[in-house]
Amino acid sequence: EGEASSRKVAADGTPEEMATGRLNGGAEKVSVSANPSYCFV
């Protein structure tokens, strides 16, 4: 558990870069069972 990580995925599905993602402004921790539908700006 911890802050969510994110991959910017290219059109072919290959990761381009790593970034940090948060669901609730850093207040909420993301568990192993986190819904993969969540995205972030």
Full PDB file with SEQRES, HELIX, SHEET, SSBOND, CRYST1, ORIGX, SCALE, CONECT and MASTER records, all heavy atoms in Angstrom:
SEQRES   1 A   41  GLU GLY GLU ALA SER SER ARG LYS VAL ALA ALA ASP GLY          
SEQRES   2 A   41  THR PRO GLU GLU MET ALA THR GLY ARG LEU ASN GLY GLY          
SEQRES   3 A   41  ALA GLU LYS VAL SER VAL SER ALA ASN PRO SER TYR CYS          
SEQRES   4 A   41  PHE VAL                                                      
SHEET    1 AA1 2 ALA A   4  VAL A   9  0                                        
SHEET    2 AA1 2 PRO A  15  GLY A  21 -1                                        
CRYST1    1.000    1.000    1.000  90.00  90.00  90.00 P 1           1          
ORIGX1      1.000000  0.000000  0.000000        0.00000                         
ORIGX2      0.000000  1.000000  0.000000        0.00000                         
ORIGX3      0.000000  0.000000  1.000000        0.00000                         
SCALE1      1.000000  0.000000  0.000000        0.00000                         
SCALE2      0.000000  1.000000  0.000000        0.00000                         
SCALE3      0.000000  0.000000  1.000000        0.00000                         
ATOM      1  N   GLU A   1       0.825  -1.192   0.000  1.00  0.00           N  
ATOM      2  CA  GLU A   1       0.000   0.000   0.000  1.00  0.00           C  
ATOM      3  C   GLU A   1       0.863   1.245   0.000  1.00  0.00           C  
ATOM      4  O   GLU A   1       1.940   1.274   0.574  1.00  0.00           O  
ATOM      5  CB  GLU A   1      -0.915   0.024   1.227  1.00  0.00           C  
ATOM      6  CG  GLU A   1      -1.994  -0.999   1.226  1.00  0.00           C  
ATOM      7  CD  GLU A   1      -3.006  -0.789   2.331  1.00  0.00           C  
ATOM      8  OE1 GLU A   1      -2.853   0.172   3.084  1.00  0.00           O  
ATOM      9  OE2 GLU A   1      -3.938  -1.574   2.416  1.00  0.00           O  
ATOM     10  N   GLY A   2       0.415   2.278  -0.664  1.00  0.00           N  
ATOM     11  CA  GLY A   2       1.156   3.520  -0.733  1.00  0.00           C  
ATOM     12  C   GLY A   2       0.578   4.402  -1.799  1.00  0.00           C  
ATOM     13  O   GLY A   2      -0.502   4.137  -2.323  1.00  0.00           O  
ATOM     14  N   GLU A   3       1.237   5.464  -2.129  1.00  0.00           N  
ATOM     15  CA  GLU A   3       0.752   6.288  -3.218  1.00  0.00           C  
ATOM     16  C   GLU A   3       0.736   5.489  -4.500  1.00  0.00           C  
ATOM     17  O   GLU A   3       1.618   4.692  -4.771  1.00  0.00           O  
ATOM     18  CB  GLU A   3       1.632   7.526  -3.387  1.00  0.00           C  
ATOM     19  CG  GLU A   3       1.346   8.634  -2.414  1.00  0.00           C  
ATOM     20  CD  GLU A   3       1.951   9.929  -2.854  1.00  0.00           C  
ATOM     21  OE1 GLU A   3       2.868   9.901  -3.680  1.00  0.00           O  
ATOM     22  OE2 GLU A   3       1.499  10.977  -2.391  1.00  0.00           O  
ATOM     23  N   ALA A   4      -0.287   5.698  -5.281  1.00  0.00           N  
ATOM     24  CA  ALA A   4      -0.386   4.963  -6.529  1.00  0.00           C  
ATOM     25  C   ALA A   4       0.700   5.401  -7.488  1.00  0.00           C  
ATOM     26  O   ALA A   4       1.069   6.564  -7.546  1.00  0.00           O  
ATOM     27  CB  ALA A   4      -1.757   5.200  -7.152  1.00  0.00           C  
ATOM     28  N   SER A   5       1.235   4.480  -8.248  1.00  0.00           N  
ATOM     29  CA  SER A   5       2.136   4.816  -9.336  1.00  0.00           C  
ATOM     30  C   SER A   5       1.386   4.685 -10.639  1.00  0.00           C  
ATOM     31  O   SER A   5       0.356   4.030 -10.707  1.00  0.00           O  
ATOM     32  CB  SER A   5       3.352   3.892  -9.340  1.00  0.00           C  
ATOM     33  OG  SER A   5       2.939   2.558  -9.526  1.00  0.00           O  
ATOM     34  N   SER A   6       1.894   5.301 -11.643  1.00  0.00           N  
ATOM     35  CA  SER A   6       1.209   5.280 -12.925  1.00  0.00           C  
ATOM     36  C   SER A   6       2.196   5.146 -14.060  1.00  0.00           C  
ATOM     37  O   SER A   6       3.326   5.641 -13.986  1.00  0.00           O  
ATOM     38  CB  SER A   6       0.380   6.538 -13.125  1.00  0.00           C  
ATOM     39  OG  SER A   6      -0.155   6.577 -14.422  1.00  0.00           O  
ATOM     40  N   ARG A   7       1.764   4.493 -15.106  1.00  0.00           N  
ATOM     41  CA  ARG A   7       2.535   4.430 -16.339  1.00  0.00           C  
ATOM     42  C   ARG A   7       1.793   5.156 -17.444  1.00  0.00           C  
ATOM     43  O   ARG A   7       0.596   4.947 -17.628  1.00  0.00           O  
ATOM     44  CB  ARG A   7       2.779   2.973 -16.758  1.00  0.00           C  
ATOM     45  CG  ARG A   7       3.657   2.187 -15.815  1.00  0.00           C  
ATOM     46  CD  ARG A   7       3.919   0.805 -16.361  1.00  0.00           C  
ATOM     47  NE  ARG A   7       2.692   0.052 -16.523  1.00  0.00           N  
ATOM     48  CZ  ARG A   7       2.637  -1.153 -17.079  1.00  0.00           C  
ATOM     49  NH1 ARG A   7       3.726  -1.731 -17.539  1.00  0.00           N  
ATOM     50  NH2 ARG A   7       1.483  -1.774 -17.183  1.00  0.00           N  
ATOM     51  N   LYS A   8       2.508   6.012 -18.130  1.00  0.00           N  
ATOM     52  CA  LYS A   8       1.963   6.586 -19.343  1.00  0.00           C  
ATOM     53  C   LYS A   8       2.123   5.557 -20.442  1.00  0.00           C  
ATOM     54  O   LYS A   8       3.240   5.161 -20.777  1.00  0.00           O  
ATOM     55  CB  LYS A   8       2.705   7.872 -19.698  1.00  0.00           C  
ATOM     56  CG  LYS A   8       2.147   8.603 -20.896  1.00  0.00           C  
ATOM     57  CD  LYS A   8       2.969   9.849 -21.156  1.00  0.00           C  
ATOM     58  CE  LYS A   8       2.468  10.585 -22.376  1.00  0.00           C  
ATOM     59  NZ  LYS A   8       3.307  11.770 -22.662  1.00  0.00           N  
ATOM     60  N   VAL A   9       1.024   5.085 -20.995  1.00  0.00           N  
ATOM     61  CA  VAL A   9       1.053   3.974 -21.932  1.00  0.00           C  
ATOM     62  C   VAL A   9       0.872   4.486 -23.356  1.00  0.00           C  
ATOM     63  O   VAL A   9      -0.043   5.259 -23.637  1.00  0.00           O  
ATOM     64  CB  VAL A   9      -0.042   2.947 -21.597  1.00  0.00           C  
ATOM     65  CG1 VAL A   9       0.007   1.794 -22.576  1.00  0.00           C  
ATOM     66  CG2 VAL A   9       0.125   2.448 -20.173  1.00  0.00           C  
ATOM     67  N   ALA A  10       1.779   4.086 -24.216  1.00  0.00           N  
ATOM     68  CA  ALA A  10       1.690   4.466 -25.617  1.00  0.00           C  
ATOM     69  C   ALA A  10       0.580   3.680 -26.307  1.00  0.00           C  
ATOM     70  O   ALA A  10      -0.007   2.752 -25.742  1.00  0.00           O  
ATOM     71  CB  ALA A  10       3.024   4.213 -26.308  1.00  0.00           C  
ATOM     72  N   ALA A  11       0.316   4.036 -27.557  1.00  0.00           N  
ATOM     73  CA  ALA A  11      -0.765   3.391 -28.298  1.00  0.00           C  
ATOM     74  C   ALA A  11      -0.537   1.894 -28.459  1.00  0.00           C  
ATOM     75  O   ALA A  11      -1.492   1.118 -28.526  1.00  0.00           O  
ATOM     76  CB  ALA A  11      -0.918   4.060 -29.662  1.00  0.00           C  
ATOM     77  N   ASP A  12       0.731   1.460 -28.505  1.00  0.00           N  
ATOM     78  CA  ASP A  12       1.022   0.040 -28.651  1.00  0.00           C  
ATOM     79  C   ASP A  12       1.071  -0.692 -27.321  1.00  0.00           C  
ATOM     80  O   ASP A  12       1.402  -1.875 -27.276  1.00  0.00           O  
ATOM     81  CB  ASP A  12       2.350  -0.156 -29.402  1.00  0.00           C  
ATOM     82  CG  ASP A  12       3.543   0.476 -28.667  1.00  0.00           C  
ATOM     83  OD1 ASP A  12       3.333   1.070 -27.587  1.00  0.00           O  
ATOM     84  OD2 ASP A  12       4.662   0.365 -29.180  1.00  0.00           O  
ATOM     85  N   GLY A  13       0.755   0.033 -26.227  1.00  0.00           N  
ATOM     86  CA  GLY A  13       0.728  -0.610 -24.924  1.00  0.00           C  
ATOM     87  C   GLY A  13       2.034  -0.614 -24.175  1.00  0.00           C  
ATOM     88  O   GLY A  13       2.120  -1.157 -23.069  1.00  0.00           O  
ATOM     89  N   THR A  14       3.085   0.003 -24.716  1.00  0.00           N  
ATOM     90  CA  THR A  14       4.374   0.012 -24.049  1.00  0.00           C  
ATOM     91  C   THR A  14       4.476   1.215 -23.116  1.00  0.00           C  
ATOM     92  O   THR A  14       4.040   2.307 -23.455  1.00  0.00           O  
ATOM     93  CB  THR A  14       5.526   0.074 -25.060  1.00  0.00           C  
ATOM     94  OG1 THR A  14       5.374   1.198 -25.891  1.00  0.00           O  
ATOM     95  CG2 THR A  14       5.536  -1.127 -25.908  1.00  0.00           C  
ATOM     96  N   PRO A  15       5.034   1.023 -21.922  1.00  0.00           N  
ATOM     97  CA  PRO A  15       5.175   2.134 -20.990  1.00  0.00           C  
ATOM     98  C   PRO A  15       6.146   3.188 -21.518  1.00  0.00           C  
ATOM     99  O   PRO A  15       7.197   2.852 -22.043  1.00  0.00           O  
ATOM    100  CB  PRO A  15       5.723   1.470 -19.722  1.00  0.00           C  
ATOM    101  CG  PRO A  15       5.644   0.044 -19.924  1.00  0.00           C  
ATOM    102  CD  PRO A  15       5.545  -0.245 -21.373  1.00  0.00           C  
ATOM    103  N   GLU A  16       5.801   4.452 -21.381  1.00  0.00           N  
ATOM    104  CA  GLU A  16       6.676   5.524 -21.812  1.00  0.00           C  
ATOM    105  C   GLU A  16       7.387   6.202 -20.653  1.00  0.00           C  
ATOM    106  O   GLU A  16       8.541   6.575 -20.761  1.00  0.00           O  
ATOM    107  CB  GLU A  16       5.878   6.570 -22.592  1.00  0.00           C  
ATOM    108  CG  GLU A  16       5.357   6.058 -23.931  1.00  0.00           C  
ATOM    109  CD  GLU A  16       4.661   7.143 -24.707  1.00  0.00           C  
ATOM    110  OE1 GLU A  16       4.323   8.150 -24.150  1.00  0.00           O  
ATOM    111  OE2 GLU A  16       4.441   6.994 -25.885  1.00  0.00           O  
ATOM    112  N   GLU A  17       6.708   6.382 -19.543  1.00  0.00           N  
ATOM    113  CA  GLU A  17       7.330   7.040 -18.418  1.00  0.00           C  
ATOM    114  C   GLU A  17       6.563   6.715 -17.150  1.00  0.00           C  
ATOM    115  O   GLU A  17       5.438   6.241 -17.182  1.00  0.00           O  
ATOM    116  CB  GLU A  17       7.384   8.560 -18.630  1.00  0.00           C  
ATOM    117  CG  GLU A  17       6.010   9.208 -18.722  1.00  0.00           C  
ATOM    118  CD  GLU A  17       6.079  10.687 -19.031  1.00  0.00           C  
ATOM    119  OE1 GLU A  17       7.028  11.096 -19.688  1.00  0.00           O  
ATOM    120  OE2 GLU A  17       5.167  11.421 -18.621  1.00  0.00           O  
ATOM    121  N   MET A  18       7.176   6.981 -16.002  1.00  0.00           N  
ATOM    122  CA  MET A  18       6.548   6.780 -14.713  1.00  0.00           C  
ATOM    123  C   MET A  18       6.118   8.122 -14.154  1.00  0.00           C  
ATOM    124  O   MET A  18       6.730   9.147 -14.385  1.00  0.00           O  
ATOM    125  CB  MET A  18       7.505   6.099 -13.742  1.00  0.00           C  
ATOM    126  CG  MET A  18       7.983   4.739 -14.203  1.00  0.00           C  
ATOM    127  SD  MET A  18       6.657   3.505 -14.333  1.00  0.00           S  
ATOM    128  CE  MET A  18       6.189   3.344 -12.605  1.00  0.00           C  
ATOM    129  N   ALA A  19       5.033   8.117 -13.427  1.00  0.00           N  
ATOM    130  CA  ALA A  19       4.550   9.336 -12.787  1.00  0.00           C  
ATOM    131  C   ALA A  19       3.868   8.969 -11.487  1.00  0.00           C  
ATOM    132  O   ALA A  19       3.671   7.792 -11.180  1.00  0.00           O  
ATOM    133  CB  ALA A  19       3.594  10.099 -13.705  1.00  0.00           C  
ATOM    134  N   THR A  20       3.515   9.922 -10.704  1.00  0.00           N  
ATOM    135  CA  THR A  20       2.844   9.693  -9.434  1.00  0.00           C  
ATOM    136  C   THR A  20       1.378  10.029  -9.555  1.00  0.00           C  
ATOM    137  O   THR A  20       1.010  11.085 -10.053  1.00  0.00           O  
ATOM    138  CB  THR A  20       3.480  10.527  -8.319  1.00  0.00           C  
ATOM    139  OG1 THR A  20       4.839  10.157  -8.203  1.00  0.00           O  
ATOM    140  CG2 THR A  20       2.776  10.296  -6.999  1.00  0.00           C  
ATOM    141  N   GLY A  21       0.530   9.146  -9.071  1.00  0.00           N  
ATOM    142  CA  GLY A  21      -0.898   9.369  -9.122  1.00  0.00           C  
ATOM    143  C   GLY A  21      -1.527   9.284  -7.745  1.00  0.00           C  
ATOM    144  O   GLY A  21      -1.130   8.478  -6.923  1.00  0.00           O  
ATOM    145  N   ARG A  22      -2.536  10.132  -7.489  1.00  0.00           N  
ATOM    146  CA  ARG A  22      -3.229  10.143  -6.225  1.00  0.00           C  
ATOM    147  C   ARG A  22      -4.719  10.153  -6.481  1.00  0.00           C  
ATOM    148  O   ARG A  22      -5.206  10.835  -7.384  1.00  0.00           O  
ATOM    149  CB  ARG A  22      -2.845  11.373  -5.393  1.00  0.00           C  
ATOM    150  CG  ARG A  22      -1.369  11.425  -5.042  1.00  0.00           C  
ATOM    151  CD  ARG A  22      -0.994  12.769  -4.464  1.00  0.00           C  
ATOM    152  NE  ARG A  22      -1.165  13.825  -5.448  1.00  0.00           N  
ATOM    153  CZ  ARG A  22      -0.960  15.119  -5.185  1.00  0.00           C  
ATOM    154  NH1 ARG A  22      -0.589  15.493  -3.992  1.00  0.00           N  
ATOM    155  NH2 ARG A  22      -1.122  16.004  -6.127  1.00  0.00           N  
ATOM    156  N   LEU A  23      -5.464   9.425  -5.651  1.00  0.00           N  
ATOM    157  CA  LEU A  23      -6.908   9.410  -5.785  1.00  0.00           C  
ATOM    158  C   LEU A  23      -7.549  10.604  -5.100  1.00  0.00           C  
ATOM    159  O   LEU A  23      -8.467  11.207  -5.613  1.00  0.00           O  
ATOM    160  CB  LEU A  23      -7.484   8.116  -5.213  1.00  0.00           C  
ATOM    161  CG  LEU A  23      -7.211   6.851  -6.015  1.00  0.00           C  
ATOM    162  CD1 LEU A  23      -7.895   5.676  -5.362  1.00  0.00           C  
ATOM    163  CD2 LEU A  23      -7.688   6.993  -7.445  1.00  0.00           C  
ATOM    164  N   ASN A  24      -7.077  10.963  -3.955  1.00  0.00           N  
ATOM    165  CA  ASN A  24      -7.713  12.009  -3.175  1.00  0.00           C  
ATOM    166  C   ASN A  24      -6.726  13.033  -2.659  1.00  0.00           C  
ATOM    167  O   ASN A  24      -6.610  13.266  -1.466  1.00  0.00           O  
ATOM    168  CB  ASN A  24      -8.484  11.403  -1.996  1.00  0.00           C  
ATOM    169  CG  ASN A  24      -9.561  10.454  -2.430  1.00  0.00           C  
ATOM    170  OD1 ASN A  24     -10.357  10.795  -3.270  1.00  0.00           O  
ATOM    171  ND2 ASN A  24      -9.571   9.259  -1.870  1.00  0.00           N  
ATOM    172  N   GLY A  25      -5.955  13.598  -3.567  1.00  0.00           N  
ATOM    173  CA  GLY A  25      -5.013  14.604  -3.152  1.00  0.00           C  
ATOM    174  C   GLY A  25      -3.977  14.106  -2.174  1.00  0.00           C  
ATOM    175  O   GLY A  25      -3.434  14.874  -1.378  1.00  0.00           O  
ATOM    176  N   GLY A  26      -3.648  12.821  -2.225  1.00  0.00           N  
ATOM    177  CA  GLY A  26      -2.648  12.244  -1.352  1.00  0.00           C  
ATOM    178  C   GLY A  26      -3.205  11.747  -0.046  1.00  0.00           C  
ATOM    179  O   GLY A  26      -2.511  11.115   0.740  1.00  0.00           O  
ATOM    180  N   ALA A  27      -4.496  12.010   0.219  1.00  0.00           N  
ATOM    181  CA  ALA A  27      -5.084  11.613   1.492  1.00  0.00           C  
ATOM    182  C   ALA A  27      -5.388  10.129   1.544  1.00  0.00           C  
ATOM    183  O   ALA A  27      -5.341   9.505   2.595  1.00  0.00           O  
ATOM    184  CB  ALA A  27      -6.351  12.412   1.764  1.00  0.00           C  
ATOM    185  N   GLU A  28      -5.748   9.561   0.429  1.00  0.00           N  
ATOM    186  CA  GLU A  28      -6.142   8.163   0.404  1.00  0.00           C  
ATOM    187  C   GLU A  28      -5.002   7.281  -0.098  1.00  0.00           C  
ATOM    188  O   GLU A  28      -4.388   7.554  -1.130  1.00  0.00           O  
ATOM    189  CB  GLU A  28      -7.363   7.974  -0.506  1.00  0.00           C  
ATOM    190  CG  GLU A  28      -7.832   6.523  -0.604  1.00  0.00           C  
ATOM    191  CD  GLU A  28      -9.069   6.384  -1.460  1.00  0.00           C  
ATOM    192  OE1 GLU A  28      -9.871   7.305  -1.465  1.00  0.00           O  
ATOM    193  OE2 GLU A  28      -9.238   5.369  -2.106  1.00  0.00           O  
ATOM    194  N   LYS A  29      -4.709   6.217   0.609  1.00  0.00           N  
ATOM    195  CA  LYS A  29      -3.748   5.225   0.177  1.00  0.00           C  
ATOM    196  C   LYS A  29      -4.420   4.232  -0.758  1.00  0.00           C  
ATOM    197  O   LYS A  29      -5.585   3.894  -0.601  1.00  0.00           O  
ATOM    198  CB  LYS A  29      -3.153   4.490   1.380  1.00  0.00           C  
ATOM    199  CG  LYS A  29      -2.388   5.389   2.340  1.00  0.00           C  
ATOM    200  CD  LYS A  29      -1.168   5.996   1.679  1.00  0.00           C  
ATOM    201  CE  LYS A  29      -0.356   6.817   2.669  1.00  0.00           C  
ATOM    202  NZ  LYS A  29       0.843   7.396   2.043  1.00  0.00           N  
ATOM    203  N   VAL A  30      -3.704   3.777  -1.722  1.00  0.00           N  
ATOM    204  CA  VAL A  30      -4.232   2.855  -2.720  1.00  0.00           C  
ATOM    205  C   VAL A  30      -3.757   1.447  -2.396  1.00  0.00           C  
ATOM    206  O   VAL A  30      -2.562   1.190  -2.315  1.00  0.00           O  
ATOM    207  CB  VAL A  30      -3.777   3.265  -4.136  1.00  0.00           C  
ATOM    208  CG1 VAL A  30      -4.363   2.328  -5.160  1.00  0.00           C  
ATOM    209  CG2 VAL A  30      -4.188   4.702  -4.416  1.00  0.00           C  
ATOM    210  N   SER A  31      -4.669   0.540  -2.213  1.00  0.00           N  
ATOM    211  CA  SER A  31      -4.330  -0.821  -1.830  1.00  0.00           C  
ATOM    212  C   SER A  31      -4.081  -1.683  -3.055  1.00  0.00           C  
ATOM    213  O   SER A  31      -4.284  -1.259  -4.193  1.00  0.00           O  
ATOM    214  CB  SER A  31      -5.454  -1.422  -0.985  1.00  0.00           C  
ATOM    215  OG  SER A  31      -6.622  -1.591  -1.767  1.00  0.00           O  
ATOM    216  N   VAL A  32      -3.690  -2.935  -2.783  1.00  0.00           N  
ATOM    217  CA  VAL A  32      -3.420  -3.882  -3.864  1.00  0.00           C  
ATOM    218  C   VAL A  32      -4.660  -4.123  -4.701  1.00  0.00           C  
ATOM    219  O   VAL A  32      -4.594  -4.402  -5.898  1.00  0.00           O  
ATOM    220  CB  VAL A  32      -2.880  -5.207  -3.291  1.00  0.00           C  
ATOM    221  CG1 VAL A  32      -2.674  -6.217  -4.372  1.00  0.00           C  
ATOM    222  CG2 VAL A  32      -1.587  -4.980  -2.538  1.00  0.00           C  
ATOM    223  N   SER A  33      -5.801  -3.999  -4.081  1.00  0.00           N  
ATOM    224  CA  SER A  33      -7.057  -4.252  -4.780  1.00  0.00           C  
ATOM    225  C   SER A  33      -7.652  -2.996  -5.407  1.00  0.00           C  
ATOM    226  O   SER A  33      -8.823  -2.953  -5.716  1.00  0.00           O  
ATOM    227  CB  SER A  33      -8.077  -4.865  -3.815  1.00  0.00           C  
ATOM    228  OG  SER A  33      -8.331  -3.979  -2.730  1.00  0.00           O  
ATOM    229  N   ALA A  34      -6.825  -1.970  -5.538  1.00  0.00           N  
ATOM    230  CA  ALA A  34      -7.326  -0.722  -6.104  1.00  0.00           C  
ATOM    231  C   ALA A  34      -7.940  -0.943  -7.480  1.00  0.00           C  
ATOM    232  O   ALA A  34      -7.454  -1.739  -8.282  1.00  0.00           O  
ATOM    233  CB  ALA A  34      -6.197   0.297  -6.215  1.00  0.00           C  
ATOM    234  N   ASN A  35      -9.048  -0.215  -7.724  1.00  0.00           N  
ATOM    235  CA  ASN A  35      -9.738  -0.337  -9.002  1.00  0.00           C  
ATOM    236  C   ASN A  35      -8.853   0.203 -10.122  1.00  0.00           C  
ATOM    237  O   ASN A  35      -8.443   1.361 -10.088  1.00  0.00           O  
ATOM    238  CB  ASN A  35     -11.053   0.441  -8.942  1.00  0.00           C  
ATOM    239  CG  ASN A  35     -11.960   0.153 -10.116  1.00  0.00           C  
ATOM    240  OD1 ASN A  35     -11.523   0.097 -11.253  1.00  0.00           O  
ATOM    241  ND2 ASN A  35     -13.242  -0.042  -9.838  1.00  0.00           N  
ATOM    242  N   PRO A  36      -8.548  -0.627 -11.109  1.00  0.00           N  
ATOM    243  CA  PRO A  36      -7.660  -0.172 -12.189  1.00  0.00           C  
ATOM    244  C   PRO A  36      -8.276   0.885 -13.091  1.00  0.00           C  
ATOM    245  O   PRO A  36      -7.610   1.413 -13.963  1.00  0.00           O  
ATOM    246  CB  PRO A  36      -7.383  -1.461 -12.969  1.00  0.00           C  
ATOM    247  CG  PRO A  36      -8.582  -2.319 -12.710  1.00  0.00           C  
ATOM    248  CD  PRO A  36      -8.990  -2.019 -11.305  1.00  0.00           C  
ATOM    249  N   SER A  37      -9.568   1.216 -12.882  1.00  0.00           N  
ATOM    250  CA  SER A  37     -10.216   2.215 -13.708  1.00  0.00           C  
ATOM    251  C   SER A  37      -9.812   3.634 -13.350  1.00  0.00           C  
ATOM    252  O   SER A  37     -10.024   4.550 -14.129  1.00  0.00           O  
ATOM    253  CB  SER A  37     -11.745   2.074 -13.601  1.00  0.00           C  
ATOM    254  OG  SER A  37     -12.176   0.829 -14.103  1.00  0.00           O  
ATOM    255  N   TYR A  38      -9.275   3.833 -12.152  1.00  0.00           N  
ATOM    256  CA  TYR A  38      -8.938   5.177 -11.718  1.00  0.00           C  
ATOM    257  C   TYR A  38      -7.752   5.746 -12.496  1.00  0.00           C  
ATOM    258  O   TYR A  38      -6.736   5.074 -12.685  1.00  0.00           O  
ATOM    259  CB  TYR A  38      -8.640   5.217 -10.224  1.00  0.00           C  
ATOM    260  CG  TYR A  38      -9.878   5.148  -9.365  1.00  0.00           C  
ATOM    261  CD1 TYR A  38     -10.213   3.990  -8.668  1.00  0.00           C  
ATOM    262  CD2 TYR A  38     -10.730   6.240  -9.260  1.00  0.00           C  
ATOM    263  CE1 TYR A  38     -11.346   3.924  -7.885  1.00  0.00           C  
ATOM    264  CE2 TYR A  38     -11.871   6.187  -8.474  1.00  0.00           C  
ATOM    265  CZ  TYR A  38     -12.174   5.029  -7.797  1.00  0.00           C  
ATOM    266  OH  TYR A  38     -13.308   4.971  -7.029  1.00  0.00           O  
ATOM    267  N   CYS A  39      -7.891   7.007 -12.897  1.00  0.00           N  
ATOM    268  CA  CYS A  39      -6.836   7.717 -13.616  1.00  0.00           C  
ATOM    269  C   CYS A  39      -6.604   9.069 -12.945  1.00  0.00           C  
ATOM    270  O   CYS A  39      -7.344   9.467 -12.046  1.00  0.00           O  
ATOM    271  CB  CYS A  39      -7.220   7.925 -15.077  1.00  0.00           C  
ATOM    272  SG  CYS A  39      -7.587   6.401 -15.977  1.00  0.00           S  
ATOM    273  N   PHE A  40      -5.591   9.768 -13.379  1.00  0.00           N  
ATOM    274  CA  PHE A  40      -5.296  11.059 -12.790  1.00  0.00           C  
ATOM    275  C   PHE A  40      -4.654  11.978 -13.814  1.00  0.00           C  
ATOM    276  O   PHE A  40      -4.117  11.541 -14.827  1.00  0.00           O  
ATOM    277  CB  PHE A  40      -4.393  10.912 -11.555  1.00  0.00           C  
ATOM    278  CG  PHE A  40      -2.964  10.540 -11.894  1.00  0.00           C  
ATOM    279  CD1 PHE A  40      -1.968  11.487 -11.942  1.00  0.00           C  
ATOM    280  CD2 PHE A  40      -2.631   9.219 -12.164  1.00  0.00           C  
ATOM    281  CE1 PHE A  40      -0.656  11.136 -12.253  1.00  0.00           C  
ATOM    282  CE2 PHE A  40      -1.323   8.858 -12.475  1.00  0.00           C  
ATOM    283  CZ  PHE A  40      -0.329   9.827 -12.516  1.00  0.00           C  
ATOM    284  N   VAL A  41      -4.737  13.278 -13.535  1.00  0.00           N  
ATOM    285  CA  VAL A  41      -4.079  14.299 -14.344  1.00  0.00           C  
ATOM    286  C   VAL A  41      -2.727  14.585 -13.704  1.00  0.00           C  
ATOM    287  O   VAL A  41      -2.672  14.925 -12.523  1.00  0.00           O  
ATOM    288  CB  VAL A  41      -4.918  15.586 -14.422  1.00  0.00           C  
ATOM    289  CG1 VAL A  41      -4.234  16.619 -15.313  1.00  0.00           C  
ATOM    290  CG2 VAL A  41      -6.325  15.274 -14.915  1.00  0.00           C  
TER     291      VAL A  41                                                      
MASTER        0    0    0    0    2    0    0    6  290    1    0    4          
END                                                                             
